[in-house]
Amino acid sequence: MSAKKRPSGIIYSTNPDFNYNFGEGSEQQTLPPSEQDLRVHVQSLKGNKKLTLIRGFVGSEDDMKALGRKLKSACGVGGSVKDGEIFIQGDKREQIMLLLQEYGYKAKRSGG
């Protein structure tokens, strides 16, 4: 049994009707786009490179990855989704702001 599948705190029970709770169903529900409040940042990296970050997405990891794929494809650049943030290569803040609003998300510029 892996660490994720172990029931929390229960090792053994003599109750024949006892059901172990494996913590399933704890994935966060994705809010509809109109209720999302996203922040779009631009971060400078080494070598005069830029990175656009989208923060504040409330929902499942799969839905966030799907949004990241949509944005990367529309901008024609690479990127990734990690630690609750969507990373898009380059300074694409204005283009991403327009795309998010087109998809029905509330988005604000943040940072410098």
C-alpha atoms as a PDB file:
ATOM      1  CA  MET A   1       0.000   0.000   0.000  1.00  0.00           C
ATOM      2  CA  SER A   2       1.492   3.363  -0.995  1.00  0.00           C
ATOM      3  CA  ALA A   3       1.573   6.344   1.356  1.00  0.00           C
ATOM      4  CA  LYS A   4      -1.242   8.056  -0.568  1.00  0.00           C
ATOM      5  CA  LYS A   5      -3.567   5.043  -0.303  1.00  0.00           C
ATOM      6  CA  ARG A   6      -3.124   4.493   3.434  1.00  0.00           C
ATOM      7  CA  PRO A   7      -6.061   5.470   5.564  1.00  0.00           C
ATOM      8  CA  SER A   8      -5.169   8.346   7.839  1.00  0.00           C
ATOM      9  CA  GLY A   9      -4.588   7.337  11.457  1.00  0.00           C
ATOM     10  CA  ILE A  10      -6.265   3.901  11.298  1.00  0.00           C
ATOM     11  CA  ILE A  11      -4.016   0.853  11.301  1.00  0.00           C
ATOM     12  CA  TYR A  12      -6.407  -1.904  12.296  1.00  0.00           C
ATOM     13  CA  SER A  13     -10.075  -2.126  13.194  1.00  0.00           C
ATOM     14  CA  THR A  14     -11.981  -5.010  14.802  1.00  0.00           C
ATOM     15  CA  ASN A  15     -15.287  -3.635  13.507  1.00  0.00           C
ATOM     16  CA  PRO A  16     -16.318  -5.802  10.512  1.00  0.00           C
ATOM     17  CA  ASP A  17     -18.456  -2.952   9.102  1.00  0.00           C
ATOM     18  CA  PHE A  18     -15.653  -0.379   9.250  1.00  0.00           C
ATOM     19  CA  ASN A  19     -14.878   1.295   5.911  1.00  0.00           C
ATOM     20  CA  TYR A  20     -11.472   2.864   5.426  1.00  0.00           C
ATOM     21  CA  ASN A  21     -11.516   6.441   4.170  1.00  0.00           C
ATOM     22  CA  PHE A  22      -8.723   6.791   1.632  1.00  0.00           C
ATOM     23  CA  GLY A  23      -9.174  10.539   1.190  1.00  0.00           C
ATOM     24  CA  GLU A  24     -10.682  10.184  -2.260  1.00  0.00           C
ATOM     25  CA  GLY A  25     -12.859  12.953  -3.626  1.00  0.00           C
ATOM     26  CA  SER A  26     -10.792  15.694  -2.051  1.00  0.00           C
ATOM     27  CA  GLU A  27      -9.994  17.283  -5.427  1.00  0.00           C
ATOM     28  CA  GLN A  28     -11.071  20.886  -5.547  1.00  0.00           C
ATOM     29  CA  GLN A  29     -14.073  21.790  -7.683  1.00  0.00           C
ATOM     30  CA  THR A  30     -13.319  24.122 -10.577  1.00  0.00           C
ATOM     31  CA  LEU A  31     -15.121  27.440 -10.402  1.00  0.00           C
ATOM     32  CA  PRO A  32     -16.812  28.652 -13.593  1.00  0.00           C
ATOM     33  CA  PRO A  33     -14.744  31.163 -15.598  1.00  0.00           C
ATOM     34  CA  SER A  34     -16.958  34.098 -14.576  1.00  0.00           C
ATOM     35  CA  GLU A  35     -16.164  33.422 -10.882  1.00  0.00           C
ATOM     36  CA  GLN A  36     -12.401  33.028 -11.342  1.00  0.00           C
ATOM     37  CA  ASP A  37     -10.200  35.975 -10.343  1.00  0.00           C
ATOM     38  CA  LEU A  38      -6.903  35.544 -12.181  1.00  0.00           C
ATOM     39  CA  ARG A  39      -3.760  37.679 -11.905  1.00  0.00           C
ATOM     40  CA  VAL A  40      -1.360  38.004 -14.834  1.00  0.00           C
ATOM     41  CA  HIS A  41       2.279  38.790 -13.968  1.00  0.00           C
ATOM     42  CA  VAL A  42       5.448  39.202 -16.031  1.00  0.00           C
ATOM     43  CA  GLN A  43       8.699  38.006 -14.513  1.00  0.00           C
ATOM     44  CA  SER A  44      12.188  38.778 -15.821  1.00  0.00           C
ATOM     45  CA  LEU A  45      14.611  35.902 -16.100  1.00  0.00           C
ATOM     46  CA  LYS A  46      18.328  35.652 -16.846  1.00  0.00           C
ATOM     47  CA  GLY A  47      19.507  36.781 -20.246  1.00  0.00           C
ATOM     48  CA  ASN A  48      16.799  39.422 -20.772  1.00  0.00           C
ATOM     49  CA  LYS A  49      14.097  36.740 -21.083  1.00  0.00           C
ATOM     50  CA  LYS A  50      10.542  37.157 -19.817  1.00  0.00           C
ATOM     51  CA  LEU A  51       7.986  34.771 -18.402  1.00  0.00           C
ATOM     52  CA  THR A  52       4.249  35.412 -18.067  1.00  0.00           C
ATOM     53  CA  LEU A  53       2.579  33.901 -14.973  1.00  0.00           C
ATOM     54  CA  ILE A  54      -1.126  33.342 -14.408  1.00  0.00           C
ATOM     55  CA  ARG A  55      -2.051  32.935 -10.731  1.00  0.00           C
ATOM     56  CA  GLY A  56      -5.265  32.518  -8.789  1.00  0.00           C
ATOM     57  CA  PHE A  57      -6.903  29.642 -10.690  1.00  0.00           C
ATOM     58  CA  VAL A  58      -9.330  27.796  -8.412  1.00  0.00           C
ATOM     59  CA  GLY A  59     -10.009  24.255  -9.537  1.00  0.00           C
ATOM     60  CA  SER A  60      -8.632  20.880 -10.468  1.00  0.00           C
ATOM     61  CA  GLU A  61      -5.146  20.321 -11.826  1.00  0.00           C
ATOM     62  CA  ASP A  62      -6.576  18.868 -15.057  1.00  0.00           C
ATOM     63  CA  ASP A  63      -8.696  21.963 -15.734  1.00  0.00           C
ATOM     64  CA  MET A  64      -5.699  24.223 -15.072  1.00  0.00           C
ATOM     65  CA  LYS A  65      -3.575  22.159 -17.491  1.00  0.00           C
ATOM     66  CA  ALA A  66      -6.315  22.430 -20.122  1.00  0.00           C
ATOM     67  CA  LEU A  67      -6.386  26.216 -19.755  1.00  0.00           C
ATOM     68  CA  GLY A  68      -2.583  26.303 -19.959  1.00  0.00           C
ATOM     69  CA  ARG A  69      -2.643  24.271 -23.191  1.00  0.00           C
ATOM     70  CA  LYS A  70      -5.267  26.619 -24.673  1.00  0.00           C
ATOM     71  CA  LEU A  71      -3.210  29.701 -23.823  1.00  0.00           C
ATOM     72  CA  LYS A  72       0.080  28.229 -25.081  1.00  0.00           C
ATOM     73  CA  SER A  73      -1.533  27.183 -28.340  1.00  0.00           C
ATOM     74  CA  ALA A  74      -3.218  30.565 -28.882  1.00  0.00           C
ATOM     75  CA  CYS A  75       0.028  32.444 -28.171  1.00  0.00           C
ATOM     76  CA  GLY A  76       2.156  30.041 -30.215  1.00  0.00           C
ATOM     77  CA  VAL A  77       4.732  29.607 -27.444  1.00  0.00           C
ATOM     78  CA  GLY A  78       5.771  27.044 -24.854  1.00  0.00           C
ATOM     79  CA  GLY A  79       5.038  26.947 -21.176  1.00  0.00           C
ATOM     80  CA  SER A  80       3.995  24.721 -18.317  1.00  0.00           C
ATOM     81  CA  VAL A  81       1.632  24.324 -15.379  1.00  0.00           C
ATOM     82  CA  LYS A  82       3.237  23.802 -11.994  1.00  0.00           C
ATOM     83  CA  ASP A  83       2.487  24.549  -8.322  1.00  0.00           C
ATOM     84  CA  GLY A  84      -0.886  26.132  -9.061  1.00  0.00           C
ATOM     85  CA  GLU A  85       0.511  28.566 -11.655  1.00  0.00           C
ATOM     86  CA  ILE A  86       0.467  28.678 -15.437  1.00  0.00           C
ATOM     87  CA  PHE A  87       3.799  29.687 -17.010  1.00  0.00           C
ATOM     88  CA  ILE A  88       3.877  31.068 -20.568  1.00  0.00           C
ATOM     89  CA  GLN A  89       7.191  31.858 -22.278  1.00  0.00           C
ATOM     90  CA  GLY A  90       7.744  35.484 -23.231  1.00  0.00           C
ATOM     91  CA  ASP A  91       6.005  38.721 -22.327  1.00  0.00           C
ATOM     92  CA  LYS A  92       2.516  37.800 -23.533  1.00  0.00           C
ATOM     93  CA  ARG A  93       0.605  39.668 -20.832  1.00  0.00           C
ATOM     94  CA  GLU A  94      -1.610  41.750 -23.154  1.00  0.00           C
ATOM     95  CA  GLN A  95      -2.417  38.816 -25.441  1.00  0.00           C
ATOM     96  CA  ILE A  96      -3.217  36.562 -22.469  1.00  0.00           C
ATOM     97  CA  MET A  97      -5.402  39.235 -20.875  1.00  0.00           C
ATOM     98  CA  LEU A  98      -7.469  39.453 -24.076  1.00  0.00           C
ATOM     99  CA  LEU A  99      -7.688  35.651 -24.397  1.00  0.00           C
ATOM    100  CA  LEU A 100      -8.772  35.174 -20.769  1.00  0.00           C
ATOM    101  CA  GLN A 101     -11.472  37.825 -21.146  1.00  0.00           C
ATOM    102  CA  GLU A 102     -12.590  36.179 -24.394  1.00  0.00           C
ATOM    103  CA  TYR A 103     -12.876  32.834 -22.548  1.00  0.00           C
ATOM    104  CA  GLY A 104     -15.020  34.540 -19.872  1.00  0.00           C
ATOM    105  CA  TYR A 105     -12.419  34.815 -17.057  1.00  0.00           C
ATOM    106  CA  LYS A 106     -11.946  37.884 -14.871  1.00  0.00           C
ATOM    107  CA  ALA A 107      -8.267  38.777 -15.172  1.00  0.00           C
ATOM    108  CA  LYS A 108      -6.207  41.686 -13.881  1.00  0.00           C
ATOM    109  CA  ARG A 109      -2.676  42.828 -14.547  1.00  0.00           C
ATOM    110  CA  SER A 110      -0.452  42.503 -11.549  1.00  0.00           C
ATOM    111  CA  GLY A 111       3.102  43.570 -10.824  1.00  0.00           C
ATOM    112  CA  GLY A 112       5.319  45.877 -12.867  1.00  0.00           C
END
